């Protein structure tokens, strides 16, 4: 029952923004800890864009807040059409809690803004041996 309720909370929470003052940010992340049933706080997240030569160039990073969120990772000007990678440093997060995890990182690679400018919310549900991600892609709020 606990596992089912964690998944339900995960999908409900991706639509609820707690800490944002600016709902216009083009990219935000939200991370939940499925073991503890709470936001994953202080989790390091890195955002990279794929260059023409196929290499990844990191251009933003941050740590999740008390709500498991990071807002304002980038600006509209920086977040242009292209292939992006959001890297969740899951190993460091779990080791800080005294757990030896299976994954070192959880990466989400996606194409952004190929159909015009959009707002992206990338949500992750983490456990030491698995993870699940989902995205909400919407038109920017005025």
N, C-alpha and C. Protein backbone atom coordinates (compact mmCIF):
# COMPACT_ATOMS: atom_id res chain seq x y z
N UNK A 1 0.83 -1.19 0.00
CA UNK A 1 0.00 0.00 0.00
C UNK A 1 0.87 1.25 0.00
N UNK A 2 1.96 1.25 0.77
CA UNK A 2 2.83 2.41 0.84
C UNK A 2 3.40 2.76 -0.53
N UNK A 3 3.82 1.74 -1.30
CA UNK A 3 4.37 1.98 -2.62
C UNK A 3 3.35 2.65 -3.52
N UNK A 4 2.12 2.19 -3.51
CA UNK A 4 1.06 2.77 -4.33
C UNK A 4 0.79 4.21 -3.95
N UNK A 5 0.76 4.49 -2.67
CA UNK A 5 0.48 5.86 -2.25
C UNK A 5 1.64 6.78 -2.60
N UNK A 6 2.88 6.28 -2.56
CA UNK A 6 4.03 7.11 -2.95
C UNK A 6 3.94 7.49 -4.42
N UNK A 7 3.55 6.55 -5.26
CA UNK A 7 3.42 6.82 -6.68
C UNK A 7 2.31 7.83 -6.93
N UNK A 8 1.18 7.67 -6.27
CA UNK A 8 0.07 8.61 -6.41
C UNK A 8 0.50 10.01 -5.98
N UNK A 9 1.17 10.11 -4.85
CA UNK A 9 1.64 11.41 -4.37
C UNK A 9 2.62 12.01 -5.37
N UNK A 10 3.49 11.20 -5.94
CA UNK A 10 4.46 11.65 -6.93
C UNK A 10 3.75 12.32 -8.10
N UNK A 11 2.76 11.66 -8.66
CA UNK A 11 2.07 12.21 -9.82
C UNK A 11 1.22 13.42 -9.47
N UNK A 12 0.69 13.49 -8.28
CA UNK A 12 -0.06 14.67 -7.85
C UNK A 12 0.89 15.83 -7.63
N UNK A 13 2.03 15.57 -6.99
CA UNK A 13 2.96 16.63 -6.62
C UNK A 13 3.62 17.31 -7.80
N UNK A 14 3.73 16.65 -8.94
CA UNK A 14 4.38 17.32 -10.06
C UNK A 14 3.57 18.52 -10.54
N UNK A 15 2.31 18.57 -10.19
CA UNK A 15 1.47 19.68 -10.61
C UNK A 15 1.38 20.79 -9.57
N UNK A 16 1.97 20.57 -8.40
CA UNK A 16 1.89 21.54 -7.32
C UNK A 16 3.25 22.19 -7.14
N UNK A 17 3.32 23.50 -7.24
CA UNK A 17 4.57 24.22 -7.05
C UNK A 17 4.55 24.90 -5.69
N UNK A 18 5.54 24.58 -4.87
CA UNK A 18 5.58 25.13 -3.52
C UNK A 18 6.40 26.40 -3.42
N UNK A 19 7.63 26.38 -3.92
CA UNK A 19 8.55 27.43 -3.59
C UNK A 19 8.76 28.49 -4.64
N UNK A 20 8.12 28.39 -5.77
CA UNK A 20 8.43 29.30 -6.87
C UNK A 20 7.70 30.63 -6.75
N UNK A 21 8.48 31.67 -6.94
CA UNK A 21 7.90 33.00 -7.05
C UNK A 21 7.61 33.28 -8.52
N UNK A 22 8.51 32.76 -9.40
CA UNK A 22 8.40 32.99 -10.83
C UNK A 22 7.95 31.72 -11.53
N UNK A 23 6.69 31.66 -11.90
CA UNK A 23 6.16 30.48 -12.58
C UNK A 23 6.51 30.49 -14.07
N UNK A 24 7.26 31.48 -14.52
CA UNK A 24 7.64 31.57 -15.92
C UNK A 24 8.96 30.87 -16.22
N UNK A 25 9.65 30.33 -15.21
CA UNK A 25 10.95 29.70 -15.46
C UNK A 25 10.78 28.57 -16.48
N UNK A 26 11.67 28.49 -17.48
CA UNK A 26 11.49 27.52 -18.55
C UNK A 26 11.79 26.07 -18.16
N UNK A 27 12.54 25.86 -17.07
CA UNK A 27 12.88 24.51 -16.65
C UNK A 27 12.93 24.44 -15.14
N UNK A 28 12.19 23.50 -14.57
CA UNK A 28 12.29 23.25 -13.13
C UNK A 28 12.31 21.75 -12.92
N UNK A 29 12.86 21.34 -11.78
CA UNK A 29 12.85 19.92 -11.42
C UNK A 29 12.19 19.75 -10.07
N UNK A 30 11.63 18.57 -9.88
CA UNK A 30 10.98 18.21 -8.62
C UNK A 30 11.37 16.76 -8.35
N UNK A 31 11.89 16.48 -7.13
CA UNK A 31 12.38 15.15 -6.81
C UNK A 31 11.77 14.67 -5.50
N UNK A 32 11.24 13.45 -5.52
CA UNK A 32 10.66 12.84 -4.33
C UNK A 32 11.43 11.57 -3.97
N UNK A 33 11.61 11.37 -2.67
CA UNK A 33 12.26 10.19 -2.11
C UNK A 33 11.17 9.17 -1.82
N UNK A 34 11.14 8.07 -2.59
CA UNK A 34 10.08 7.06 -2.44
C UNK A 34 10.24 6.24 -1.16
N UNK A 35 11.44 6.17 -0.61
CA UNK A 35 11.67 5.40 0.61
C UNK A 35 11.10 6.13 1.82
N UNK A 36 11.39 7.41 1.90
CA UNK A 36 10.94 8.20 3.05
C UNK A 36 9.58 8.85 2.81
N UNK A 37 9.11 8.83 1.57
CA UNK A 37 7.82 9.44 1.27
C UNK A 37 7.82 10.94 1.45
N UNK A 38 8.94 11.58 1.08
CA UNK A 38 9.07 13.02 1.27
C UNK A 38 9.91 13.61 0.13
N UNK A 39 9.95 14.95 0.05
CA UNK A 39 10.81 15.57 -0.96
C UNK A 39 12.27 15.17 -0.75
N UNK A 40 13.00 15.01 -1.84
CA UNK A 40 14.43 14.72 -1.77
C UNK A 40 15.17 16.05 -1.70
N UNK A 41 15.59 16.43 -0.50
CA UNK A 41 16.25 17.73 -0.30
C UNK A 41 17.76 17.61 -0.48
N UNK A 42 18.37 18.70 -0.88
CA UNK A 42 19.82 18.80 -1.06
C UNK A 42 20.38 17.82 -2.08
N UNK A 43 19.60 17.48 -3.08
CA UNK A 43 20.06 16.60 -4.15
C UNK A 43 20.64 17.47 -5.26
N UNK A 44 21.86 17.18 -5.67
CA UNK A 44 22.53 17.96 -6.71
C UNK A 44 21.98 17.57 -8.09
N UNK A 45 21.68 18.60 -8.88
CA UNK A 45 21.16 18.42 -10.24
C UNK A 45 22.03 19.26 -11.18
N UNK A 46 22.41 18.66 -12.30
CA UNK A 46 23.19 19.37 -13.32
C UNK A 46 22.42 19.33 -14.64
N UNK A 47 22.47 20.45 -15.37
CA UNK A 47 21.80 20.53 -16.67
C UNK A 47 22.85 20.80 -17.74
N UNK A 48 22.84 19.98 -18.78
CA UNK A 48 23.78 20.12 -19.89
C UNK A 48 23.02 20.18 -21.20
N UNK A 49 23.67 20.80 -22.19
CA UNK A 49 23.12 20.85 -23.55
C UNK A 49 24.13 20.17 -24.47
N UNK A 50 23.63 19.38 -25.41
CA UNK A 50 24.53 18.69 -26.32
C UNK A 50 25.04 19.67 -27.38
N UNK A 51 26.36 19.71 -27.53
CA UNK A 51 27.00 20.57 -28.53
C UNK A 51 26.93 19.89 -29.90
N UNK A 52 27.27 20.64 -30.94
CA UNK A 52 27.24 20.10 -32.30
C UNK A 52 28.15 18.90 -32.48
N UNK A 53 29.26 18.85 -31.72
CA UNK A 53 30.19 17.72 -31.83
C UNK A 53 29.77 16.51 -31.00
N UNK A 54 28.60 16.58 -30.35
CA UNK A 54 28.08 15.46 -29.58
C UNK A 54 28.47 15.45 -28.11
N UNK A 55 29.33 16.36 -27.70
CA UNK A 55 29.72 16.43 -26.29
C UNK A 55 28.66 17.18 -25.49
N UNK A 56 28.66 16.97 -24.18
CA UNK A 56 27.72 17.66 -23.30
C UNK A 56 28.41 18.84 -22.63
N UNK A 57 27.76 19.98 -22.64
CA UNK A 57 28.27 21.20 -22.00
C UNK A 57 27.34 21.58 -20.87
N UNK A 58 27.84 21.45 -19.62
CA UNK A 58 27.02 21.83 -18.47
C UNK A 58 26.86 23.35 -18.45
N UNK A 59 25.64 23.81 -18.23
CA UNK A 59 25.41 25.25 -18.16
C UNK A 59 24.60 25.67 -16.94
N UNK A 60 24.12 24.71 -16.17
CA UNK A 60 23.35 25.06 -14.96
C UNK A 60 23.45 23.92 -13.97
N UNK A 61 23.35 24.28 -12.69
CA UNK A 61 23.32 23.26 -11.64
C UNK A 61 22.69 23.86 -10.40
N UNK A 62 22.33 23.01 -9.48
CA UNK A 62 21.75 23.47 -8.23
C UNK A 62 21.46 22.31 -7.31
N UNK A 63 20.91 22.63 -6.14
CA UNK A 63 20.49 21.62 -5.16
C UNK A 63 19.01 21.82 -4.89
N UNK A 64 18.31 20.70 -4.70
CA UNK A 64 16.89 20.79 -4.41
C UNK A 64 16.66 21.45 -3.06
N UNK A 65 15.57 22.20 -2.96
CA UNK A 65 15.21 22.89 -1.73
C UNK A 65 14.41 21.97 -0.81
N UNK A 66 13.80 22.53 0.22
CA UNK A 66 13.03 21.74 1.20
C UNK A 66 11.80 21.08 0.59
N UNK A 67 11.39 21.54 -0.59
CA UNK A 67 10.25 20.94 -1.29
C UNK A 67 10.71 19.94 -2.35
N UNK A 68 12.02 19.70 -2.44
CA UNK A 68 12.57 18.82 -3.46
C UNK A 68 12.58 19.45 -4.83
N UNK A 69 12.59 20.76 -4.90
CA UNK A 69 12.47 21.48 -6.17
C UNK A 69 13.68 22.37 -6.43
N UNK A 70 13.90 22.62 -7.71
CA UNK A 70 14.85 23.67 -8.13
C UNK A 70 14.14 24.47 -9.21
N UNK A 71 14.04 25.77 -8.97
CA UNK A 71 13.44 26.69 -9.93
C UNK A 71 14.53 27.55 -10.53
N UNK A 72 14.22 28.16 -11.65
CA UNK A 72 15.11 29.13 -12.29
C UNK A 72 16.49 28.56 -12.56
N UNK A 73 16.54 27.33 -13.07
CA UNK A 73 17.81 26.73 -13.46
C UNK A 73 18.42 27.43 -14.66
N UNK A 74 17.58 28.00 -15.50
CA UNK A 74 18.05 28.64 -16.71
C UNK A 74 17.10 29.78 -17.08
N UNK A 75 17.46 30.49 -18.11
CA UNK A 75 16.62 31.59 -18.60
C UNK A 75 16.05 31.22 -19.97
N UNK A 76 15.05 31.97 -20.41
CA UNK A 76 14.49 31.75 -21.74
C UNK A 76 15.56 31.90 -22.81
N UNK A 77 16.48 32.85 -22.62
CA UNK A 77 17.53 33.10 -23.61
C UNK A 77 18.50 31.92 -23.71
N UNK A 78 18.82 31.28 -22.59
CA UNK A 78 19.74 30.14 -22.59
C UNK A 78 19.07 28.85 -23.06
N UNK A 79 17.80 28.70 -22.76
CA UNK A 79 17.09 27.44 -22.99
C UNK A 79 16.48 27.42 -24.38
N UNK A 80 17.35 27.30 -25.38
CA UNK A 80 16.94 27.30 -26.78
C UNK A 80 16.71 25.87 -27.26
N UNK A 81 16.25 25.73 -28.48
CA UNK A 81 16.01 24.40 -29.05
C UNK A 81 17.28 23.56 -28.99
N UNK A 82 17.13 22.29 -28.61
CA UNK A 82 18.28 21.40 -28.57
C UNK A 82 18.03 20.16 -27.74
N UNK A 83 19.08 19.36 -27.61
CA UNK A 83 19.05 18.14 -26.82
C UNK A 83 19.67 18.44 -25.46
N UNK A 84 18.93 18.14 -24.39
CA UNK A 84 19.34 18.47 -23.02
C UNK A 84 19.44 17.21 -22.16
N UNK A 85 20.29 17.31 -21.14
CA UNK A 85 20.42 16.23 -20.16
C UNK A 85 20.30 16.83 -18.76
N UNK A 86 19.37 16.29 -17.98
CA UNK A 86 19.26 16.64 -16.56
C UNK A 86 19.81 15.45 -15.80
N UNK A 87 20.87 15.69 -15.03
CA UNK A 87 21.55 14.63 -14.28
C UNK A 87 21.26 14.79 -12.79
N UNK A 88 20.65 13.77 -12.21
CA UNK A 88 20.36 13.75 -10.78
C UNK A 88 21.47 12.95 -10.10
N UNK A 89 22.19 13.56 -9.15
CA UNK A 89 23.29 12.89 -8.45
C UNK A 89 22.72 12.01 -7.34
N UNK A 90 22.17 10.88 -7.73
CA UNK A 90 21.48 10.00 -6.79
C UNK A 90 22.43 9.31 -5.82
N UNK A 91 23.62 8.96 -6.28
CA UNK A 91 24.58 8.25 -5.43
C UNK A 91 24.96 9.08 -4.20
N UNK A 92 25.31 10.33 -4.42
CA UNK A 92 25.68 11.20 -3.30
C UNK A 92 24.51 11.38 -2.35
N UNK A 93 23.31 11.53 -2.90
CA UNK A 93 22.11 11.69 -2.07
C UNK A 93 21.91 10.49 -1.16
N UNK A 94 21.92 9.27 -1.72
CA UNK A 94 21.67 8.07 -0.91
C UNK A 94 22.80 7.80 0.07
N UNK A 95 24.05 8.01 -0.34
CA UNK A 95 25.18 7.77 0.57
C UNK A 95 25.12 8.70 1.78
N UNK A 96 24.65 9.93 1.57
CA UNK A 96 24.50 10.87 2.69
C UNK A 96 23.46 10.38 3.70
N UNK A 97 22.54 9.53 3.24
CA UNK A 97 21.51 8.96 4.12
C UNK A 97 21.93 7.59 4.67
N UNK A 98 23.17 7.18 4.38
CA UNK A 98 23.67 5.90 4.88
C UNK A 98 23.24 4.69 4.07
N UNK A 99 22.87 4.92 2.81
CA UNK A 99 22.39 3.84 1.95
C UNK A 99 23.37 3.66 0.78
N UNK A 100 23.67 2.43 0.43
CA UNK A 100 24.52 2.13 -0.73
C UNK A 100 23.62 1.86 -1.94
N UNK A 101 23.54 2.81 -2.89
CA UNK A 101 22.60 2.68 -4.00
C UNK A 101 23.17 1.90 -5.18
N UNK A 102 22.30 1.51 -6.08
CA UNK A 102 22.70 0.83 -7.31
C UNK A 102 23.17 1.84 -8.36
N UNK A 103 22.40 2.91 -8.59
CA UNK A 103 22.71 3.90 -9.63
C UNK A 103 23.64 4.98 -9.10
N UNK A 104 24.58 5.38 -9.93
CA UNK A 104 25.42 6.54 -9.60
C UNK A 104 24.66 7.83 -9.90
N UNK A 105 23.98 7.84 -11.04
CA UNK A 105 23.23 9.01 -11.49
C UNK A 105 21.94 8.54 -12.15
N UNK A 106 20.97 9.42 -12.20
CA UNK A 106 19.76 9.20 -12.98
C UNK A 106 19.72 10.34 -14.00
N UNK A 107 19.84 10.00 -15.26
CA UNK A 107 19.85 11.00 -16.32
C UNK A 107 18.53 11.01 -17.08
N UNK A 108 18.08 12.21 -17.41
CA UNK A 108 16.92 12.38 -18.28
C UNK A 108 17.40 13.18 -19.48
N UNK A 109 17.32 12.59 -20.65
CA UNK A 109 17.77 13.25 -21.88
C UNK A 109 16.53 13.50 -22.75
N UNK A 110 16.38 14.75 -23.19
CA UNK A 110 15.17 15.12 -23.93
C UNK A 110 15.44 16.25 -24.90
N UNK A 111 14.60 16.33 -25.92
CA UNK A 111 14.64 17.43 -26.88
C UNK A 111 13.70 18.52 -26.37
N UNK A 112 14.19 19.75 -26.37
CA UNK A 112 13.38 20.87 -25.87
C UNK A 112 13.18 21.92 -26.96
N UNK A 113 12.03 22.54 -26.90
CA UNK A 113 11.69 23.71 -27.70
C UNK A 113 11.75 23.48 -29.21
N UNK A 114 11.58 22.23 -29.66
CA UNK A 114 11.58 21.97 -31.10
C UNK A 114 10.26 22.36 -31.75
N UNK A 115 9.24 22.59 -30.95
CA UNK A 115 7.93 23.02 -31.46
C UNK A 115 7.56 24.39 -30.92
N UNK A 116 8.55 25.21 -30.66
CA UNK A 116 8.32 26.52 -30.05
C UNK A 116 8.66 26.49 -28.58
N UNK A 117 8.73 27.65 -27.98
CA UNK A 117 9.13 27.76 -26.58
C UNK A 117 8.09 27.13 -25.66
N UNK A 118 8.57 26.33 -24.69
CA UNK A 118 7.70 25.65 -23.73
C UNK A 118 8.31 25.74 -22.33
N UNK A 119 7.48 25.43 -21.34
CA UNK A 119 7.91 25.32 -19.94
C UNK A 119 8.00 23.83 -19.63
N UNK A 120 9.12 23.39 -19.04
CA UNK A 120 9.36 21.98 -18.74
C UNK A 120 9.50 21.76 -17.25
N UNK A 121 8.71 20.83 -16.71
CA UNK A 121 8.88 20.37 -15.34
C UNK A 121 9.29 18.91 -15.43
N UNK A 122 10.48 18.61 -14.94
CA UNK A 122 11.00 17.24 -14.92
C UNK A 122 10.88 16.75 -13.49
N UNK A 123 10.11 15.69 -13.29
CA UNK A 123 9.91 15.13 -11.95
C UNK A 123 10.55 13.75 -11.87
N UNK A 124 11.17 13.46 -10.72
CA UNK A 124 11.81 12.16 -10.51
C UNK A 124 11.36 11.59 -9.17
N UNK A 125 11.11 10.30 -9.17
CA UNK A 125 10.78 9.55 -7.96
C UNK A 125 11.93 8.57 -7.75
N UNK A 126 12.64 8.71 -6.62
CA UNK A 126 13.86 7.95 -6.40
C UNK A 126 13.74 6.91 -5.30
N UNK A 127 14.41 5.79 -5.52
CA UNK A 127 14.69 4.82 -4.46
C UNK A 127 16.13 4.36 -4.71
N UNK A 128 16.75 3.66 -3.77
CA UNK A 128 18.16 3.29 -3.95
C UNK A 128 18.43 2.37 -5.15
N UNK A 129 17.43 1.61 -5.60
CA UNK A 129 17.65 0.66 -6.68
C UNK A 129 16.79 0.91 -7.91
N UNK A 130 16.03 2.00 -7.92
CA UNK A 130 15.22 2.32 -9.09
C UNK A 130 14.88 3.80 -9.09
N UNK A 131 14.45 4.26 -10.25
CA UNK A 131 13.92 5.62 -10.34
C UNK A 131 12.92 5.68 -11.48
N UNK A 132 12.04 6.65 -11.39
CA UNK A 132 11.03 6.89 -12.41
C UNK A 132 10.98 8.38 -12.67
N UNK A 133 10.81 8.75 -13.92
CA UNK A 133 10.71 10.17 -14.24
C UNK A 133 9.48 10.41 -15.10
N UNK A 134 9.04 11.63 -15.05
CA UNK A 134 7.96 12.08 -15.92
C UNK A 134 8.20 13.55 -16.22
N UNK A 135 7.54 14.04 -17.23
CA UNK A 135 7.69 15.45 -17.60
C UNK A 135 6.33 16.05 -17.86
N UNK A 136 6.20 17.30 -17.48
CA UNK A 136 5.03 18.09 -17.83
C UNK A 136 5.55 19.22 -18.72
N UNK A 137 5.06 19.27 -19.94
CA UNK A 137 5.49 20.28 -20.90
C UNK A 137 4.28 21.14 -21.21
N UNK A 138 4.44 22.45 -21.00
CA UNK A 138 3.30 23.35 -21.19
C UNK A 138 3.75 24.67 -21.79
N UNK A 139 2.79 25.42 -22.26
CA UNK A 139 3.08 26.76 -22.74
C UNK A 139 3.47 27.62 -21.54
N UNK A 140 4.39 28.58 -21.74
CA UNK A 140 4.78 29.44 -20.61
C UNK A 140 3.61 30.26 -20.10
N UNK A 141 3.61 30.50 -18.79
CA UNK A 141 2.56 31.32 -18.17
C UNK A 141 2.92 32.78 -18.34
N UNK A 142 1.91 33.57 -18.58
CA UNK A 142 2.13 35.02 -18.74
C UNK A 142 2.08 35.72 -17.41
